[in-house]
């Protein structure tokens, strides 16, 4: 065997060992002693989120729904960290 063939054989053996070690490491299950499983906390019921879902299901007709307009305004205020704006008076609606 010449030097090139020996070098190729060495590279092949090195790659095979590296792939085998990687496969063993990936399939190994590591369990820390005494750890408890993580419990997911279910968030409290959010009426705003439920109203957003309802408006989403309405589709384009939600743009004419006063409840959806209120929900979107409240969502925007919550996102921007602003206090909710007071509702417009009934006298200002008839312009």
N, C-alpha and C. Protein backbone atom coordinates (compact mmCIF):
# COMPACT_ATOMS: atom_id res chain seq x y z
N UNK A 1 0.84 -1.18 0.00
CA UNK A 1 0.00 0.00 0.00
C UNK A 1 0.89 1.24 0.00
N UNK A 2 0.50 2.18 -0.81
CA UNK A 2 1.28 3.41 -0.85
C UNK A 2 0.76 4.41 0.19
N UNK A 3 1.37 5.54 0.31
CA UNK A 3 1.04 6.54 1.33
C UNK A 3 -0.35 7.14 1.15
N UNK A 4 -0.78 7.35 -0.11
CA UNK A 4 -2.10 7.93 -0.36
C UNK A 4 -3.21 6.98 0.09
N UNK A 5 -3.02 5.71 -0.20
CA UNK A 5 -4.03 4.73 0.18
C UNK A 5 -4.13 4.62 1.70
N UNK A 6 -3.00 4.67 2.38
CA UNK A 6 -2.98 4.60 3.84
C UNK A 6 -3.64 5.85 4.44
N UNK A 7 -3.40 7.00 3.84
CA UNK A 7 -4.01 8.24 4.32
C UNK A 7 -5.53 8.19 4.15
N UNK A 8 -6.00 7.69 3.02
CA UNK A 8 -7.44 7.57 2.77
C UNK A 8 -8.08 6.61 3.77
N UNK A 9 -7.40 5.50 4.03
CA UNK A 9 -7.92 4.54 5.00
C UNK A 9 -8.01 5.17 6.39
N UNK A 10 -7.01 5.96 6.75
CA UNK A 10 -7.01 6.65 8.04
C UNK A 10 -8.17 7.64 8.15
N UNK A 11 -8.40 8.40 7.09
CA UNK A 11 -9.50 9.36 7.07
C UNK A 11 -10.83 8.62 7.17
N UNK A 12 -10.96 7.53 6.43
CA UNK A 12 -12.20 6.75 6.46
C UNK A 12 -12.47 6.22 7.88
N UNK A 13 -11.45 5.69 8.55
CA UNK A 13 -11.62 5.17 9.90
C UNK A 13 -11.99 6.30 10.86
N UNK A 14 -11.33 7.46 10.72
CA UNK A 14 -11.63 8.60 11.59
C UNK A 14 -13.08 9.06 11.42
N UNK A 15 -13.54 9.17 10.18
CA UNK A 15 -14.92 9.61 9.91
C UNK A 15 -15.91 8.58 10.45
N UNK A 16 -15.62 7.31 10.29
CA UNK A 16 -16.53 6.26 10.78
C UNK A 16 -16.63 6.32 12.31
N UNK A 17 -15.51 6.52 12.99
CA UNK A 17 -15.52 6.62 14.45
C UNK A 17 -16.29 7.87 14.88
N UNK A 18 -16.08 8.99 14.20
CA UNK A 18 -16.78 10.23 14.54
C UNK A 18 -18.29 10.09 14.36
N UNK A 19 -18.72 9.46 13.27
CA UNK A 19 -20.16 9.27 13.03
C UNK A 19 -20.75 8.34 14.08
N UNK A 20 -20.04 7.28 14.42
CA UNK A 20 -20.52 6.35 15.43
C UNK A 20 -20.65 7.03 16.78
N UNK A 21 -19.64 7.82 17.17
CA UNK A 21 -19.68 8.54 18.45
C UNK A 21 -20.83 9.54 18.48
N UNK A 22 -21.06 10.22 17.37
CA UNK A 22 -22.17 11.18 17.30
C UNK A 22 -23.51 10.47 17.43
N UNK A 23 -23.67 9.35 16.75
CA UNK A 23 -24.93 8.60 16.83
C UNK A 23 -25.18 8.10 18.24
N UNK A 24 -24.15 7.62 18.89
CA UNK A 24 -24.32 7.15 20.28
C UNK A 24 -24.70 8.30 21.20
N UNK A 25 -24.05 9.43 21.02
CA UNK A 25 -24.33 10.60 21.87
C UNK A 25 -25.76 11.11 21.66
N UNK A 26 -26.23 11.08 20.41
CA UNK A 26 -27.57 11.59 20.13
C UNK A 26 -28.66 10.67 20.65
N UNK A 27 -28.40 9.39 20.72
CA UNK A 27 -29.43 8.45 21.20
C UNK A 27 -29.38 8.22 22.70
N UNK A 28 -28.34 8.72 23.34
CA UNK A 28 -28.20 8.53 24.78
C UNK A 28 -29.21 9.40 25.52
N UNK A 29 -29.87 8.81 26.47
CA UNK A 29 -30.85 9.55 27.28
C UNK A 29 -30.18 9.91 28.60
N UNK A 30 -30.16 11.19 28.87
CA UNK A 30 -29.54 11.66 30.10
C UNK A 30 -30.66 12.03 31.06
N UNK A 31 -30.64 11.41 32.21
CA UNK A 31 -31.64 11.73 33.23
C UNK A 31 -30.91 12.22 34.47
N UNK A 32 -31.20 13.43 34.83
CA UNK A 32 -30.59 13.98 36.04
C UNK A 32 -31.28 13.35 37.24
N UNK A 33 -30.53 12.97 38.25
CA UNK A 33 -31.14 12.34 39.41
C UNK A 33 -32.00 13.33 40.20
N UNK A 34 -33.19 12.89 40.56
CA UNK A 34 -34.05 13.67 41.44
C UNK A 34 -34.76 14.85 40.81
N UNK A 35 -34.79 14.95 39.50
CA UNK A 35 -35.51 16.06 38.90
C UNK A 35 -36.96 15.67 38.68
N UNK A 36 -37.82 16.63 38.87
CA UNK A 36 -39.25 16.41 38.65
C UNK A 36 -39.61 16.87 37.25
N UNK A 37 -40.60 16.27 36.65
CA UNK A 37 -41.01 16.72 35.32
C UNK A 37 -41.57 18.15 35.38
N UNK A 38 -41.34 18.88 34.33
CA UNK A 38 -41.82 20.26 34.26
C UNK A 38 -43.32 20.24 34.02
N UNK A 39 -44.03 20.99 34.80
CA UNK A 39 -45.49 21.09 34.65
C UNK A 39 -45.82 22.40 33.96
N UNK A 40 -46.63 22.31 32.93
CA UNK A 40 -47.05 23.50 32.21
C UNK A 40 -48.19 24.17 32.97
N UNK A 41 -48.10 25.45 33.09
CA UNK A 41 -49.14 26.21 33.77
C UNK A 41 -50.11 26.72 32.72
N UNK A 42 -51.36 26.35 32.86
CA UNK A 42 -52.37 26.80 31.92
C UNK A 42 -52.77 28.23 32.27
N UNK A 43 -52.70 29.13 31.31
CA UNK A 43 -53.04 30.52 31.61
C UNK A 43 -54.52 30.66 31.97
N UNK A 44 -54.78 31.69 32.76
CA UNK A 44 -56.16 31.97 33.14
C UNK A 44 -56.97 32.35 31.90
N UNK A 45 -58.24 32.17 31.96
CA UNK A 45 -59.14 32.50 30.85
C UNK A 45 -59.07 34.00 30.58
N UNK A 46 -58.85 34.37 29.34
CA UNK A 46 -58.72 35.78 28.96
C UNK A 46 -59.90 36.15 28.06
N UNK A 47 -60.83 36.95 28.58
CA UNK A 47 -62.00 37.32 27.77
C UNK A 47 -61.62 38.09 26.50
N UNK A 48 -60.56 38.90 26.58
CA UNK A 48 -60.13 39.65 25.40
C UNK A 48 -59.68 38.69 24.31
N UNK A 49 -58.94 37.67 24.69
CA UNK A 49 -58.45 36.68 23.71
C UNK A 49 -59.63 35.95 23.06
N UNK A 50 -60.64 35.62 23.86
CA UNK A 50 -61.82 34.94 23.32
C UNK A 50 -62.56 35.85 22.34
N UNK A 51 -62.64 37.14 22.66
CA UNK A 51 -63.30 38.09 21.77
C UNK A 51 -62.50 38.25 20.48
N UNK A 52 -61.17 38.23 20.57
CA UNK A 52 -60.33 38.30 19.37
C UNK A 52 -60.60 37.10 18.46
N UNK A 53 -60.74 35.93 19.05
CA UNK A 53 -61.03 34.72 18.26
C UNK A 53 -62.38 34.86 17.55
N UNK A 54 -63.38 35.39 18.27
CA UNK A 54 -64.70 35.56 17.67
C UNK A 54 -64.62 36.51 16.48
N UNK A 55 -63.89 37.61 16.64
CA UNK A 55 -63.75 38.58 15.55
C UNK A 55 -62.98 37.98 14.38
N UNK A 56 -62.01 37.15 14.68
CA UNK A 56 -61.25 36.49 13.63
C UNK A 56 -62.16 35.59 12.80
N UNK A 57 -63.09 34.91 13.45
CA UNK A 57 -64.00 34.01 12.75
C UNK A 57 -65.02 34.77 11.92
N UNK A 58 -65.30 36.02 12.27
CA UNK A 58 -66.26 36.82 11.50
C UNK A 58 -65.71 37.22 10.14
N UNK A 59 -64.40 37.27 10.00
CA UNK A 59 -63.79 37.64 8.73
C UNK A 59 -63.96 39.12 8.45
N UNK A 60 -64.27 39.46 7.20
CA UNK A 60 -64.38 40.87 6.81
C UNK A 60 -65.54 41.58 7.48
N UNK A 61 -66.57 40.86 7.85
CA UNK A 61 -67.71 41.52 8.49
C UNK A 61 -67.34 42.06 9.88
N UNK A 62 -66.21 41.64 10.42
CA UNK A 62 -65.77 42.14 11.73
C UNK A 62 -65.42 43.63 11.65
N UNK A 63 -65.08 44.12 10.47
CA UNK A 63 -64.74 45.54 10.31
C UNK A 63 -65.93 46.45 10.57
N UNK A 64 -67.15 45.91 10.47
CA UNK A 64 -68.36 46.70 10.72
C UNK A 64 -68.99 46.37 12.07
N UNK A 65 -68.38 45.48 12.82
CA UNK A 65 -68.91 45.04 14.11
C UNK A 65 -68.36 45.94 15.22
N UNK A 66 -69.24 46.67 15.93
CA UNK A 66 -68.77 47.58 16.98
C UNK A 66 -68.02 46.86 18.10
N UNK A 67 -68.41 45.63 18.42
CA UNK A 67 -67.70 44.88 19.45
C UNK A 67 -66.27 44.57 19.01
N UNK A 68 -66.10 44.21 17.75
CA UNK A 68 -64.76 43.92 17.25
C UNK A 68 -63.90 45.18 17.21
N UNK A 69 -64.49 46.30 16.86
CA UNK A 69 -63.74 47.55 16.87
C UNK A 69 -63.27 47.87 18.29
N UNK A 70 -64.12 47.62 19.28
CA UNK A 70 -63.75 47.84 20.68
C UNK A 70 -62.64 46.89 21.10
N UNK A 71 -62.76 45.63 20.69
CA UNK A 71 -61.75 44.61 21.02
C UNK A 71 -60.41 44.99 20.42
N UNK A 72 -60.40 45.43 19.17
CA UNK A 72 -59.15 45.80 18.52
C UNK A 72 -58.52 47.02 19.20
N UNK A 73 -59.35 47.98 19.61
CA UNK A 73 -58.81 49.15 20.31
C UNK A 73 -58.20 48.73 21.65
N UNK A 74 -58.87 47.85 22.37
CA UNK A 74 -58.35 47.38 23.65
C UNK A 74 -57.06 46.58 23.45
N UNK A 75 -57.02 45.78 22.41
CA UNK A 75 -55.82 45.00 22.10
C UNK A 75 -54.65 45.93 21.78
N UNK A 76 -54.91 46.94 20.98
CA UNK A 76 -53.87 47.91 20.62
C UNK A 76 -53.36 48.63 21.86
N UNK A 77 -54.28 49.07 22.73
CA UNK A 77 -53.87 49.76 23.95
C UNK A 77 -53.05 48.85 24.86
N UNK A 78 -53.46 47.60 24.96
CA UNK A 78 -52.72 46.65 25.81
C UNK A 78 -51.32 46.42 25.24
N UNK A 79 -51.23 46.28 23.92
CA UNK A 79 -49.93 46.06 23.28
C UNK A 79 -49.00 47.25 23.48
N UNK A 80 -49.54 48.46 23.32
CA UNK A 80 -48.72 49.66 23.43
C UNK A 80 -48.50 50.09 24.87
N UNK A 81 -49.17 49.44 25.81
CA UNK A 81 -48.99 49.77 27.23
C UNK A 81 -49.71 51.04 27.65
N UNK A 82 -50.72 51.40 26.89
CA UNK A 82 -51.48 52.61 27.23
C UNK A 82 -52.70 52.23 28.03
N UNK A 83 -53.20 53.19 28.82
CA UNK A 83 -54.45 52.94 29.52
C UNK A 83 -55.58 53.05 28.50
N UNK A 84 -56.64 52.25 28.67
CA UNK A 84 -57.73 52.26 27.69
C UNK A 84 -58.36 53.64 27.55
N UNK A 85 -58.70 53.99 26.32
CA UNK A 85 -59.36 55.27 26.05
C UNK A 85 -60.83 55.18 26.47
N UNK A 86 -61.39 56.25 26.99
CA UNK A 86 -62.81 56.20 27.34
C UNK A 86 -63.66 56.01 26.08
N UNK A 87 -64.77 55.31 26.25
CA UNK A 87 -65.67 55.05 25.14
C UNK A 87 -66.26 56.36 24.64
N UNK A 88 -66.42 56.52 23.32
CA UNK A 88 -67.01 57.75 22.79
C UNK A 88 -68.47 57.88 23.24
N UNK A 89 -68.86 59.11 23.47
CA UNK A 89 -70.25 59.33 23.91
C UNK A 89 -71.20 59.11 22.76
N UNK A 90 -72.47 58.85 23.11
CA UNK A 90 -73.49 58.58 22.09
C UNK A 90 -73.77 59.83 21.27
N UNK A 91 -73.55 61.04 21.82
CA UNK A 91 -73.81 62.28 21.11
C UNK A 91 -72.82 62.49 19.97
N UNK A 92 -71.59 61.97 20.11
CA UNK A 92 -70.57 62.16 19.07
C UNK A 92 -70.69 61.20 17.92
N UNK A 93 -71.57 60.22 17.98
CA UNK A 93 -71.67 59.21 16.94
C UNK A 93 -72.46 59.68 15.73
N UNK A 94 -73.32 60.66 15.86
CA UNK A 94 -74.23 61.04 14.77
C UNK A 94 -73.68 62.10 13.86
N UNK A 95 -72.41 62.28 13.72
CA UNK A 95 -71.84 63.34 12.87
C UNK A 95 -72.18 63.18 11.45
